[in-house]
N, C-alpha and C. Protein backbone atom coordinates (compact mmCIF):
# COMPACT_ATOMS: atom_id res chain seq x y z
N UNK A 1 2.49 7.14 -11.52
CA UNK A 1 1.06 6.36 -11.99
C UNK A 1 0.50 6.73 -13.52
N UNK A 2 0.29 5.02 -13.58
CA UNK A 2 -0.15 4.88 -15.00
C UNK A 2 -1.18 4.83 -16.36
N UNK A 3 -2.02 4.34 -14.54
CA UNK A 3 -3.79 4.29 -14.52
C UNK A 3 -3.90 5.61 -13.87
N UNK A 4 -5.67 5.90 -14.24
CA UNK A 4 -6.35 6.61 -13.66
C UNK A 4 -7.88 6.18 -13.64
N UNK A 5 -7.54 6.08 -12.47
CA UNK A 5 -9.43 5.29 -12.26
C UNK A 5 -10.86 6.54 -11.82
N UNK A 6 -11.53 6.94 -12.21
CA UNK A 6 -12.43 7.79 -12.08
C UNK A 6 -13.96 7.62 -11.93
N UNK A 7 -14.21 7.88 -10.61
CA UNK A 7 -15.66 7.51 -9.93
C UNK A 7 -16.63 8.24 -10.68
N UNK A 8 -17.59 7.90 -11.66
CA UNK A 8 -18.75 9.03 -12.29
C UNK A 8 -20.28 9.65 -11.60
N UNK A 9 -20.77 9.20 -10.43
CA UNK A 9 -21.86 10.05 -9.96
C UNK A 9 -20.87 10.81 -8.68
N UNK A 10 -21.24 12.05 -8.92
CA UNK A 10 -20.15 13.05 -7.45
C UNK A 10 -19.41 13.38 -8.24
N UNK A 11 -18.97 12.82 -8.82
CA UNK A 11 -16.80 13.26 -9.47
C UNK A 11 -17.29 13.75 -11.14
N UNK A 12 -18.16 13.21 -11.97
CA UNK A 12 -17.65 13.74 -13.13
C UNK A 12 -19.29 14.26 -13.77
N UNK A 13 -20.20 13.96 -12.86
CA UNK A 13 -21.94 13.65 -13.25
C UNK A 13 -21.76 14.20 -12.32
N UNK A 14 -22.67 15.49 -12.36
CA UNK A 14 -23.57 16.01 -10.79
C UNK A 14 -25.38 16.29 -11.46
N UNK A 15 -26.54 14.98 -11.53
CA UNK A 15 -26.97 15.35 -11.57
C UNK A 15 -27.94 15.97 -13.10
N UNK A 16 -28.96 17.00 -13.03
CA UNK A 16 -29.81 17.36 -14.11
C UNK A 16 -28.66 18.15 -15.04
N UNK A 17 -28.67 18.39 -16.21
CA UNK A 17 -27.98 19.18 -17.18
C UNK A 17 -28.46 20.42 -16.86
N UNK A 18 -29.47 20.47 -16.78
CA UNK A 18 -29.85 21.84 -16.95
C UNK A 18 -29.30 22.93 -15.60
N UNK A 19 -30.06 22.43 -14.15
CA UNK A 19 -29.40 22.95 -12.63
C UNK A 19 -28.79 21.92 -12.02
N UNK A 20 -28.42 21.20 -12.60
CA UNK A 20 -28.05 20.00 -11.22
C UNK A 20 -28.49 19.61 -10.06
N UNK A 21 -29.34 19.72 -10.00
CA UNK A 21 -30.36 19.24 -9.10
C UNK A 21 -30.42 17.21 -9.33
N UNK A 22 -30.35 17.51 -8.10
CA UNK A 22 -30.57 15.67 -8.04
C UNK A 22 -31.83 15.13 -8.89
N UNK A 23 -32.03 13.88 -9.86
CA UNK A 23 -32.65 13.35 -11.24
C UNK A 23 -33.65 13.88 -11.07
N UNK A 24 -33.97 13.32 -9.67
CA UNK A 24 -35.84 12.93 -9.96
C UNK A 24 -36.62 13.92 -8.95
N UNK A 25 -36.23 15.15 -8.59
CA UNK A 25 -36.47 16.82 -8.19
C UNK A 25 -38.26 16.68 -8.87
N UNK A 26 -38.14 16.49 -9.89
CA UNK A 26 -39.65 16.99 -10.23
C UNK A 26 -40.10 15.39 -10.93
N UNK A 27 -39.60 14.37 -10.65
CA UNK A 27 -40.63 13.07 -10.94
C UNK A 27 -41.92 13.11 -10.84
N UNK A 28 -42.39 13.35 -9.54
CA UNK A 28 -43.95 13.57 -9.98
C UNK A 28 -44.43 14.44 -11.23
N UNK A 29 -44.28 15.29 -11.02
CA UNK A 29 -44.86 16.34 -11.65
C UNK A 29 -44.23 15.98 -13.70
N UNK A 30 -43.54 15.54 -13.33
CA UNK A 30 -43.34 14.94 -15.17
C UNK A 30 -44.04 13.53 -15.36
N UNK A 31 -43.78 13.12 -14.35
CA UNK A 31 -44.29 11.45 -14.61
C UNK A 31 -45.06 10.93 -13.90
N UNK A 32 -45.32 11.72 -12.86
CA UNK A 32 -46.52 11.23 -11.77
C UNK A 32 -46.51 9.68 -11.48
N UNK A 33 -45.09 9.93 -10.93
CA UNK A 33 -44.58 8.75 -9.88
C UNK A 33 -43.85 9.67 -8.41
N UNK A 34 -43.99 8.97 -7.61
CA UNK A 34 -43.37 9.67 -6.29
C UNK A 34 -42.52 9.20 -6.10
N UNK A 35 -41.09 10.28 -5.51
CA UNK A 35 -39.99 10.08 -5.81
C UNK A 35 -39.83 8.84 -4.33
N UNK A 36 -40.80 8.81 -2.91
CA UNK A 36 -40.69 8.36 -2.12
C UNK A 36 -40.95 6.40 -2.45
N UNK A 37 -42.14 6.74 -2.97
CA UNK A 37 -42.63 5.41 -3.44
C UNK A 37 -41.14 4.71 -4.27
N UNK A 38 -40.95 5.49 -5.37
CA UNK A 38 -39.67 4.44 -6.40
C UNK A 38 -38.98 4.00 -5.22
N UNK A 39 -38.15 5.00 -4.32
CA UNK A 39 -37.41 4.43 -3.28
C UNK A 39 -37.83 3.21 -2.44
N UNK A 40 -38.97 3.16 -1.92
CA UNK A 40 -38.81 2.73 -1.07
C UNK A 40 -39.82 0.62 -1.76
N UNK A 41 -40.02 0.93 -3.04
CA UNK A 41 -40.82 -0.29 -3.74
C UNK A 41 -39.44 -0.63 -4.70
N UNK A 42 -38.95 -0.21 -5.04
CA UNK A 42 -37.67 -0.24 -5.76
C UNK A 42 -36.51 -0.35 -5.19
N UNK A 43 -36.10 0.78 -4.99
CA UNK A 43 -34.25 1.27 -5.05
C UNK A 43 -34.21 0.23 -3.36
N UNK A 44 -34.97 0.38 -2.90
CA UNK A 44 -34.28 -0.31 -1.30
C UNK A 44 -34.47 -1.52 -0.82
N UNK A 45 -35.49 -1.98 -1.80
CA UNK A 45 -36.15 -3.80 -2.38
C UNK A 45 -34.85 -4.33 -3.28
N UNK A 46 -34.59 -3.83 -4.19
CA UNK A 46 -34.38 -4.58 -5.26
C UNK A 46 -32.82 -3.80 -5.91
N UNK A 47 -32.75 -2.81 -5.81
CA UNK A 47 -30.80 -2.21 -6.31
C UNK A 47 -29.72 -2.95 -6.24
N UNK A 48 -30.41 -3.44 -4.45
CA UNK A 48 -28.45 -3.70 -4.28
C UNK A 48 -28.53 -5.50 -5.59
N UNK A 49 -29.41 -6.05 -5.94
CA UNK A 49 -28.95 -6.80 -6.93
C UNK A 49 -29.00 -6.65 -8.00
N UNK A 50 -29.98 -5.66 -8.39
CA UNK A 50 -29.14 -4.92 -9.98
C UNK A 50 -27.73 -4.38 -9.74
N UNK A 51 -27.58 -3.31 -8.95
CA UNK A 51 -26.41 -2.71 -9.51
C UNK A 51 -25.10 -3.62 -9.37
N UNK A 52 -25.39 -4.68 -8.76
CA UNK A 52 -24.07 -6.04 -8.61
C UNK A 52 -24.59 -6.94 -9.51
N UNK A 53 -25.29 -6.90 -10.52
CA UNK A 53 -25.47 -7.66 -11.63
C UNK A 53 -25.41 -9.16 -11.44
N UNK A 54 -26.74 -9.11 -10.95
CA UNK A 54 -27.24 -10.39 -10.01
C UNK A 54 -29.11 -10.54 -10.66
N UNK A 55 -29.22 -9.78 -11.11
CA UNK A 55 -30.56 -9.54 -12.40
C UNK A 55 -30.73 -8.01 -13.08
N UNK A 56 -31.03 -8.09 -14.29
CA UNK A 56 -31.08 -6.90 -15.34
C UNK A 56 -32.50 -6.27 -14.79
N UNK A 57 -31.91 -4.93 -14.93
CA UNK A 57 -33.24 -3.84 -14.23
C UNK A 57 -34.58 -4.03 -15.01
N UNK A 58 -34.43 -4.04 -16.47
CA UNK A 58 -35.84 -3.81 -17.23
C UNK A 58 -37.14 -5.12 -16.21
N UNK A 59 -36.62 -6.30 -16.18
CA UNK A 59 -38.07 -7.06 -15.54
C UNK A 59 -38.53 -6.26 -14.37
N UNK A 60 -37.61 -5.88 -13.41
CA UNK A 60 -37.70 -5.88 -12.27
C UNK A 60 -38.55 -4.55 -12.02
N UNK A 61 -37.76 -3.55 -12.58
CA UNK A 61 -38.31 -2.15 -12.71
C UNK A 61 -39.88 -2.39 -12.94
N UNK A 62 -39.68 -3.06 -13.97
CA UNK A 62 -41.42 -3.10 -15.24
C UNK A 62 -42.89 -3.71 -13.86
N UNK A 63 -42.14 -5.15 -13.73
CA UNK A 63 -42.60 -5.52 -12.44
C UNK A 63 -43.58 -4.84 -10.85
N UNK A 64 -42.16 -3.66 -10.72
CA UNK A 64 -42.42 -2.69 -9.87
C UNK A 64 -43.25 -1.57 -9.90
N UNK A 65 -43.26 -1.11 -11.20
CA UNK A 65 -44.42 -0.19 -11.96
C UNK A 65 -45.72 -0.53 -11.93
N UNK A 66 -45.95 -1.74 -12.73
CA UNK A 66 -46.88 -1.97 -12.79
C UNK A 66 -48.23 -2.15 -11.13
N UNK A 67 -47.33 -2.42 -10.03
CA UNK A 67 -47.80 -2.14 -8.77
C UNK A 67 -48.17 -1.09 -8.25
N UNK A 68 -46.77 0.06 -9.13
CA UNK A 68 -47.21 1.47 -8.15
C UNK A 68 -47.10 2.46 -9.37
N UNK A 69 -47.36 2.72 -10.51
CA UNK A 69 -47.45 3.51 -11.52
C UNK A 69 -47.55 2.66 -12.94
N UNK A 70 -49.09 1.53 -13.14
CA UNK A 70 -49.16 1.34 -13.98
C UNK A 70 -49.27 1.91 -15.26
N UNK A 71 -48.97 3.28 -15.42
CA UNK A 71 -49.35 4.28 -16.36
C UNK A 71 -47.75 4.01 -16.90
N UNK A 72 -46.85 3.87 -15.97
CA UNK A 72 -45.80 4.41 -16.63
C UNK A 72 -44.86 3.05 -17.76
N UNK A 73 -44.23 3.30 -18.29
CA UNK A 73 -43.22 1.80 -19.21
C UNK A 73 -41.93 1.96 -18.47
N UNK A 74 -41.86 1.26 -18.26
CA UNK A 74 -39.83 0.85 -17.62
C UNK A 74 -39.01 1.86 -18.55
N UNK A 75 -39.11 1.53 -19.61
CA UNK A 75 -38.43 2.37 -20.92
C UNK A 75 -38.25 3.70 -20.56
N UNK A 76 -39.47 4.76 -20.44
CA UNK A 76 -39.95 5.46 -20.43
C UNK A 76 -39.51 6.40 -19.40
N UNK A 77 -39.35 5.49 -18.35
CA UNK A 77 -38.54 6.59 -17.02
C UNK A 77 -36.99 5.89 -16.68
N UNK A 78 -36.46 4.37 -17.59
CA UNK A 78 -34.76 4.88 -17.47
C UNK A 78 -34.59 5.65 -18.62
N UNK A 79 -35.27 5.98 -19.53
CA UNK A 79 -34.80 7.12 -20.35
C UNK A 79 -34.45 8.60 -19.61
N UNK A 80 -35.80 8.87 -18.79
CA UNK A 80 -36.33 10.08 -18.18
C UNK A 80 -34.85 10.57 -16.97
N UNK A 81 -34.57 8.93 -16.64
CA UNK A 81 -33.54 8.88 -15.34
C UNK A 81 -32.49 9.50 -15.87
N UNK A 82 -31.71 8.51 -17.28
CA UNK A 82 -30.55 8.56 -17.54
C UNK A 82 -30.39 10.04 -18.15
N UNK A 83 -30.86 10.61 -18.75
CA UNK A 83 -30.76 11.71 -19.48
C UNK A 83 -30.90 13.02 -17.91
N UNK A 84 -31.61 12.49 -16.90
CA UNK A 84 -31.61 13.75 -16.01
C UNK A 84 -30.31 13.75 -15.34
N UNK A 85 -29.71 12.67 -15.04
CA UNK A 85 -28.60 12.42 -14.92
C UNK A 85 -27.32 12.21 -15.47
N UNK A 86 -27.64 13.16 -16.47
CA UNK A 86 -26.07 13.42 -17.06
C UNK A 86 -25.44 14.91 -17.41
N UNK A 87 -25.34 15.69 -16.14
CA UNK A 87 -24.97 16.63 -16.18
C UNK A 87 -23.54 16.90 -15.87
N UNK A 88 -22.70 16.59 -17.01
CA UNK A 88 -21.12 16.54 -16.87
C UNK A 88 -20.20 17.98 -16.83
N UNK A 89 -19.39 17.31 -15.61
CA UNK A 89 -18.54 18.38 -15.58
C UNK A 89 -17.26 18.76 -16.51
N UNK A 90 -17.88 19.43 -17.32
CA UNK A 90 -16.97 19.96 -18.50
C UNK A 90 -14.96 20.12 -18.23
N UNK A 91 -15.00 21.32 -16.88
CA UNK A 91 -13.64 21.45 -16.78
C UNK A 91 -13.01 19.85 -16.49
N UNK A 92 -13.47 19.47 -15.64
CA UNK A 92 -12.52 17.95 -15.07
C UNK A 92 -12.00 16.96 -16.46
N UNK A 93 -13.44 17.18 -17.51
CA UNK A 93 -13.28 16.45 -18.84
C UNK A 93 -11.89 16.82 -19.28
N UNK A 94 -11.79 17.99 -19.65
CA UNK A 94 -10.87 19.01 -20.03
C UNK A 94 -9.43 18.37 -19.52
N UNK A 95 -9.24 19.04 -18.29
CA UNK A 95 -8.62 18.07 -17.30
C UNK A 95 -7.68 16.92 -17.55
N UNK A 96 -8.75 15.96 -17.66
CA UNK A 96 -9.16 14.98 -17.78
C UNK A 96 -7.74 14.41 -18.86
N UNK A 97 -8.65 15.12 -20.28
CA UNK A 97 -8.09 15.06 -21.46
C UNK A 97 -6.59 15.48 -21.13
N UNK A 98 -6.31 16.56 -20.70
CA UNK A 98 -4.80 16.93 -20.79
C UNK A 98 -3.60 15.97 -20.09
N UNK A 99 -4.62 14.89 -19.40
CA UNK A 99 -3.54 13.68 -18.55
C UNK A 99 -3.54 12.78 -18.89
N UNK A 100 -4.36 12.18 -20.35
CA UNK A 100 -4.27 11.41 -20.86
C UNK A 100 -3.51 11.41 -22.15
N UNK A 101 -3.13 12.66 -22.47
CA UNK A 101 -1.96 12.77 -23.50
C UNK A 101 -1.28 12.94 -23.30
N UNK A 102 -0.45 12.43 -21.91
CA UNK A 102 1.21 12.50 -21.69
C UNK A 102 0.53 10.85 -21.44
N UNK A 103 -0.35 10.31 -21.67
CA UNK A 103 0.30 8.37 -21.45
C UNK A 103 -0.44 7.76 -20.89
N UNK A 104 -1.41 8.23 -19.49
CA UNK A 104 -1.65 7.75 -18.41
C UNK A 104 -3.16 7.43 -19.18
N UNK A 105 -3.92 5.89 -18.63
CA UNK A 105 -4.59 5.51 -19.19
C UNK A 105 -5.86 5.88 -17.99
N UNK A 106 -7.60 6.31 -18.71
CA UNK A 106 -8.26 6.64 -17.96
C UNK A 106 -9.45 5.76 -18.12
N UNK A 107 -9.68 5.38 -16.99
CA UNK A 107 -10.46 4.57 -17.07
C UNK A 107 -11.68 4.52 -15.37
N UNK A 108 -13.30 5.01 -16.47
CA UNK A 108 -14.28 4.88 -14.76
C UNK A 108 -14.31 3.62 -13.89
N UNK A 109 -14.48 3.79 -12.94
CA UNK A 109 -14.73 2.91 -12.25
C UNK A 109 -15.79 3.00 -11.06
N UNK A 110 -17.60 2.52 -11.75
CA UNK A 110 -18.11 2.70 -10.80
C UNK A 110 -19.27 1.98 -10.42
N UNK A 111 -20.20 2.15 -9.81
CA UNK A 111 -21.40 1.64 -9.77
C UNK A 111 -22.19 1.53 -10.37
N UNK A 112 -22.46 0.94 -11.15
CA UNK A 112 -23.40 0.77 -12.68
C UNK A 112 -24.43 -0.41 -12.78
N UNK A 113 -25.29 -0.29 -12.99
CA UNK A 113 -26.05 -1.52 -13.50
C UNK A 113 -25.65 -1.23 -15.50
N UNK A 114 -26.04 -2.52 -15.97
CA UNK A 114 -25.59 -2.69 -17.08
C UNK A 114 -26.23 -1.59 -17.79
N UNK A 115 -27.39 -0.84 -18.16
CA UNK A 115 -27.88 0.19 -19.10
C UNK A 115 -27.50 0.82 -19.52
N UNK A 116 -27.36 1.89 -18.05
CA UNK A 116 -26.55 2.82 -17.43
C UNK A 116 -25.22 3.04 -17.97
N UNK A 117 -24.60 2.40 -17.48
CA UNK A 117 -22.99 1.84 -18.43
C UNK A 117 -23.01 2.28 -19.26
N UNK A 118 -23.53 1.25 -20.17
CA UNK A 118 -23.54 1.74 -21.67
C UNK A 118 -23.94 3.04 -21.90
N UNK A 119 -25.23 3.44 -21.94
CA UNK A 119 -25.70 5.16 -21.69
C UNK A 119 -24.54 5.79 -21.46
N UNK A 120 -23.73 5.86 -20.51
CA UNK A 120 -23.01 6.91 -20.38
C UNK A 120 -21.67 6.80 -21.14
N UNK A 121 -21.75 5.65 -21.74
CA UNK A 121 -20.32 5.55 -22.73
C UNK A 121 -20.57 6.29 -24.13
N UNK A 122 -21.88 5.57 -24.54
CA UNK A 122 -22.57 5.22 -26.21
C UNK A 122 -22.79 6.99 -25.93
N UNK A 123 -24.51 7.19 -25.44
CA UNK A 123 -24.98 8.42 -25.73
C UNK A 123 -24.25 9.73 -25.04
N UNK A 124 -23.94 9.52 -23.35
CA UNK A 124 -23.03 10.38 -22.85
C UNK A 124 -22.12 10.57 -23.94
N UNK A 125 -21.34 9.81 -24.39
CA UNK A 125 -19.88 10.08 -25.08
C UNK A 125 -19.09 9.96 -24.29
N UNK A 126 -18.65 9.33 -23.31
CA UNK A 126 -17.95 9.41 -22.06
C UNK A 126 -16.58 8.64 -23.26
N UNK A 127 -17.39 7.19 -23.54
CA UNK A 127 -16.18 6.77 -24.45
C UNK A 127 -15.22 7.09 -25.56
N UNK A 128 -15.43 8.69 -25.36
CA UNK A 128 -14.56 9.21 -26.18
C UNK A 128 -13.49 9.87 -25.41
N UNK A 129 -13.68 10.04 -23.93
CA UNK A 129 -12.46 10.65 -23.09
C UNK A 129 -12.31 9.12 -22.08
N UNK A 130 -12.92 8.15 -22.46
CA UNK A 130 -11.94 6.75 -21.11
C UNK A 130 -11.61 5.84 -22.20
N UNK A 131 -10.96 4.70 -21.74
CA UNK A 131 -10.16 4.04 -22.29
C UNK A 131 -11.29 2.64 -22.00
N UNK A 132 -12.23 2.97 -21.28
CA UNK A 132 -12.68 2.06 -20.90
C UNK A 132 -13.88 2.33 -19.34
N UNK A 133 -14.57 1.23 -19.12
CA UNK A 133 -15.58 1.40 -17.69
C UNK A 133 -15.38 0.09 -17.06
N UNK A 134 -15.17 0.19 -15.66
CA UNK A 134 -15.05 -1.00 -15.23
C UNK A 134 -16.36 -0.45 -13.94
N UNK A 135 -17.30 -1.39 -14.02
CA UNK A 135 -18.60 -1.16 -13.24
C UNK A 135 -19.24 -2.57 -12.40
N UNK A 136 -20.26 -2.33 -11.21
CA UNK A 136 -19.96 -3.47 -11.04
C UNK A 136 -21.17 -4.40 -10.73
N UNK A 137 -22.30 -3.90 -11.76
CA UNK A 137 -22.49 -4.97 -12.80
C UNK A 137 -22.21 -6.35 -13.42
N UNK A 138 -20.85 -5.14 -13.83
CA UNK A 138 -20.55 -6.23 -14.99
C UNK A 138 -19.27 -7.20 -14.33
N UNK A 139 -19.06 -6.84 -12.54
CA UNK A 139 -18.09 -7.61 -11.95
C UNK A 139 -18.93 -8.38 -11.14
N UNK A 140 -20.10 -8.20 -10.76
CA UNK A 140 -20.60 -9.15 -9.65
C UNK A 140 -20.11 -8.03 -8.83
N UNK A 141 -19.20 -7.23 -8.20
CA UNK A 141 -19.50 -6.92 -7.06
C UNK A 141 -19.31 -5.21 -7.04
N UNK A 142 -19.66 -4.52 -5.98
CA UNK A 142 -19.61 -2.96 -6.35
C UNK A 142 -18.50 -2.71 -4.88
N UNK A 143 -18.24 -1.18 -5.25
CA UNK A 143 -17.54 -0.87 -4.64
C UNK A 143 -18.37 -0.47 -3.05
N UNK A 144 -17.80 -0.95 -1.98
CA UNK A 144 -16.45 -1.01 -1.71
C UNK A 144 -15.60 -2.08 -1.48
N UNK A 145 -16.71 -3.58 -2.24
CA UNK A 145 -16.27 -4.59 -1.72
C UNK A 145 -14.14 -4.82 -2.78
N UNK A 146 -13.48 -5.78 -1.63
CA UNK A 146 -11.88 -5.50 -2.64
C UNK A 146 -12.51 -6.43 -3.44
N UNK A 147 -12.57 -7.00 -4.05
CA UNK A 147 -12.92 -7.74 -5.95
C UNK A 147 -13.05 -6.39 -6.67
N UNK A 148 -13.80 -5.85 -6.46
CA UNK A 148 -14.01 -4.65 -7.25
C UNK A 148 -12.36 -4.03 -7.93
N UNK A 149 -12.15 -3.63 -6.36
CA UNK A 149 -10.65 -3.49 -7.03
C UNK A 149 -9.82 -4.60 -7.66
N UNK A 150 -9.79 -5.62 -7.05
CA UNK A 150 -9.03 -7.21 -7.43
C UNK A 150 -9.47 -6.73 -9.01
N UNK A 151 -10.41 -7.09 -9.65
CA UNK A 151 -11.02 -7.48 -10.68
C UNK A 151 -10.47 -6.32 -11.92
N UNK A 152 -10.68 -5.25 -11.35
CA UNK A 152 -10.23 -3.80 -12.21
C UNK A 152 -8.53 -4.26 -12.39
N UNK A 153 -7.80 -3.94 -11.14
CA UNK A 153 -6.38 -4.31 -11.84
C UNK A 153 -6.25 -5.49 -12.61
N UNK A 154 -6.64 -6.22 -12.49
CA UNK A 154 -6.27 -7.75 -13.45
C UNK A 154 -6.88 -7.08 -14.43
N UNK A 155 -7.77 -6.42 -14.74
CA UNK A 155 -8.37 -6.43 -16.02
C UNK A 155 -7.47 -5.22 -16.77
N UNK A 156 -6.95 -4.07 -16.09
CA UNK A 156 -6.24 -3.32 -16.68
C UNK A 156 -5.01 -3.39 -16.92
N UNK A 157 -4.31 -4.17 -16.33
CA UNK A 157 -2.97 -5.16 -16.08
C UNK A 157 -2.17 -4.19 -15.91
N UNK A 158 -2.26 -3.53 -14.59
CA UNK A 158 -1.60 -2.29 -13.80
C UNK A 158 -0.73 -2.98 -12.38
N UNK A 159 0.15 -2.92 -11.55
CA UNK A 159 0.35 -3.33 -10.43
C UNK A 159 -0.30 -2.50 -9.85
N UNK A 160 -0.98 -2.61 -8.53
CA UNK A 160 -2.10 -1.50 -7.93
C UNK A 160 -1.36 0.12 -7.56
N UNK A 161 0.33 -0.67 -7.41
CA UNK A 161 0.58 1.13 -7.31
C UNK A 161 0.50 1.85 -8.13
N UNK A 162 0.42 1.48 -9.00
CA UNK A 162 0.46 2.61 -10.94
C UNK A 162 -0.74 2.79 -10.85
N UNK A 163 -1.99 2.75 -9.86
CA UNK A 163 -2.83 3.27 -10.15
C UNK A 163 -3.51 4.52 -9.12
N UNK A 164 -4.36 5.32 -9.87
CA UNK A 164 -4.64 6.73 -9.00
C UNK A 164 -5.82 6.32 -9.35
N UNK A 165 -7.38 6.65 -8.26
CA UNK A 165 -8.57 6.65 -8.10
C UNK A 165 -9.34 8.15 -7.54
N UNK A 166 -10.22 8.49 -8.46
CA UNK A 166 -10.76 9.34 -7.58
C UNK A 166 -12.22 9.13 -7.62
N UNK A 167 -12.60 9.50 -6.42
CA UNK A 167 -14.06 8.77 -5.81
C UNK A 167 -15.16 10.15 -5.07
N UNK A 168 -15.56 10.60 -5.10
CA UNK A 168 -16.60 11.02 -3.58
C UNK A 168 -16.72 10.67 -2.46
N UNK A 169 -16.64 9.14 -2.30
CA UNK A 169 -17.35 8.65 -0.94
C UNK A 169 -15.81 8.45 -0.59
N UNK A 170 -15.58 8.34 0.49
CA UNK A 170 -14.88 8.40 1.40
C UNK A 170 -14.35 6.80 1.60
N UNK A 171 -15.51 5.80 2.13
CA UNK A 171 -15.77 4.54 2.20
C UNK A 171 -14.81 3.69 1.01
N UNK A 172 -15.43 4.41 0.00
CA UNK A 172 -14.53 3.53 -1.81
C UNK A 172 -13.03 3.97 -1.88
N UNK A 173 -12.81 5.36 -2.04
CA UNK A 173 -11.53 5.63 -1.15
C UNK A 173 -10.36 4.97 -0.69
N UNK A 174 -11.10 4.56 0.89
CA UNK A 174 -10.22 3.86 1.83
C UNK A 174 -9.92 2.46 1.59
N UNK A 175 -11.06 2.00 0.88
CA UNK A 175 -11.24 0.23 0.88
C UNK A 175 -10.42 0.56 -0.91
N UNK A 176 -10.14 1.11 -1.44
CA UNK A 176 -9.30 1.16 -2.76
C UNK A 176 -7.82 1.74 -2.43
N UNK A 177 -7.50 1.94 -1.25
CA UNK A 177 -5.95 2.15 -0.28
C UNK A 177 -6.09 0.99 0.19
N UNK A 178 -6.75 0.36 0.90
CA UNK A 178 -6.31 -0.72 1.67
C UNK A 178 -5.71 -1.69 0.56
N UNK A 179 -6.78 -1.60 -0.75
CA UNK A 179 -6.40 -2.42 -1.60
C UNK A 179 -4.42 -2.26 -2.35
N UNK A 180 -4.63 -1.38 -2.09
CA UNK A 180 -3.24 -1.05 -2.84
C UNK A 180 -2.81 0.29 -4.07
N UNK A 181 -4.04 0.77 -4.06
CA UNK A 181 -4.53 2.08 -5.26
C UNK A 181 -3.97 2.81 -3.96
N UNK A 182 -3.30 3.54 -4.69
CA UNK A 182 -3.92 5.24 -4.79
C UNK A 182 -4.96 6.11 -5.03
N UNK A 183 -5.19 6.62 -3.68
CA UNK A 183 -6.71 7.23 -3.58
C UNK A 183 -6.97 8.66 -3.53
N UNK A 184 -7.52 9.65 -3.78
CA UNK A 184 -8.19 10.65 -2.99
C UNK A 184 -9.45 10.95 -3.11
N UNK A 185 -9.91 11.00 -2.06
CA UNK A 185 -11.35 11.81 -1.91
C UNK A 185 -11.54 12.99 -2.81
N UNK A 186 -12.29 12.69 -3.83
CA UNK A 186 -12.97 14.39 -4.99
C UNK A 186 -13.90 15.22 -4.03
N UNK A 187 -13.64 16.33 -3.87
CA UNK A 187 -14.56 17.24 -3.04
C UNK A 187 -14.80 18.28 -4.49
N UNK A 188 -15.71 18.98 -3.92
CA UNK A 188 -16.54 20.34 -5.01
C UNK A 188 -15.66 21.32 -4.72
N UNK A 189 -15.41 21.36 -5.72
CA UNK A 189 -14.44 22.72 -6.09
C UNK A 189 -12.87 22.52 -5.94
N UNK A 190 -12.55 20.97 -6.35
CA UNK A 190 -11.25 20.55 -6.12
C UNK A 190 -10.41 20.59 -7.93
N UNK A 191 -9.14 20.80 -7.52
CA UNK A 191 -8.49 20.34 -9.18
C UNK A 191 -7.64 19.63 -9.59
N UNK A 192 -7.82 19.41 -10.78
CA UNK A 192 -7.19 18.01 -10.98
C UNK A 192 -5.73 18.04 -10.90
N UNK A 193 -5.48 18.81 -11.08
CA UNK A 193 -3.81 19.04 -11.24
C UNK A 193 -2.95 19.29 -9.91
N UNK A 194 -3.98 19.41 -8.86
CA UNK A 194 -3.79 19.64 -7.67
C UNK A 194 -4.23 18.74 -6.87
N UNK A 195 -4.89 17.65 -7.00
CA UNK A 195 -5.89 16.68 -6.40
C UNK A 195 -4.39 15.17 -7.22
N UNK A 196 -3.97 15.08 -8.25
CA UNK A 196 -2.96 14.58 -8.46
C UNK A 196 -1.50 14.82 -8.35
N UNK A 197 -1.00 15.73 -8.06
CA UNK A 197 0.18 16.45 -7.91
C UNK A 197 1.02 15.42 -7.18
N UNK A 198 0.21 15.00 -5.76
CA UNK A 198 1.39 14.30 -5.24
C UNK A 198 1.65 12.91 -5.92
N UNK A 199 0.76 12.19 -6.52
CA UNK A 199 1.02 10.86 -7.51
C UNK A 199 2.22 10.90 -8.77
N UNK A 200 2.40 12.15 -9.35
CA UNK A 200 2.88 12.59 -10.89
C UNK A 200 4.02 13.21 -10.21
N UNK A 201 4.45 13.89 -9.17
CA UNK A 201 5.84 14.64 -9.30
C UNK A 201 7.00 13.31 -8.56
N UNK A 202 6.83 11.78 -8.81
CA UNK A 202 7.49 10.95 -7.84
C UNK A 202 8.72 11.48 -8.69
N UNK A 203 8.77 11.12 -9.89
CA UNK A 203 9.99 11.20 -10.12
C UNK A 203 10.81 12.00 -10.47
N UNK A 204 10.10 12.93 -10.80
CA UNK A 204 11.02 14.61 -10.65
C UNK A 204 11.54 14.85 -9.50
N UNK A 205 10.94 14.24 -8.67
CA UNK A 205 11.79 14.14 -6.87
C UNK A 205 12.72 13.71 -6.21
N UNK A 206 12.87 12.17 -7.67
CA UNK A 206 13.95 11.25 -6.66
C UNK A 206 14.80 11.33 -7.66
């Protein structure tokens, strides 16, 4: 293993900083917008194009909010969203740092649009812990598309069998394996050392 790719949501980040609850748990109380309406009018209709980089988030979100919550600015909702979806697994961050010290390159491999991808690296500070981020809006393809794994492999300059991938979604893990990556489905309570042991002990075993 020369490269360790790590998913963000469900692996590194788990909801609200204070309690880990879903980010929009109190959206209606805090910003006067129903989660169900936001899901129906914005996420179900427009998210596939936004997260795959086919259109930027701001104009579309602004237009939708004009219809469903004219009192609310897109920037206000984006900041609320990002800040409420930022509870880091500090233990995993520390464990990943130890792996990085052995010479393994660490990258994020995640389905994100441009704004949150930048926010994760710059504001949440993940740029200090990772060598870079590969994300769907940048590539024009979202996991589990094979093109996502192809483009990430090309950018990192490693062969697929030198890459290990952690993701909480089985569909993404299986797709990565089809491409040739080693991959582990990350689940609650998992310990990094145990999860990656089968892929780090190869040289010692031969």
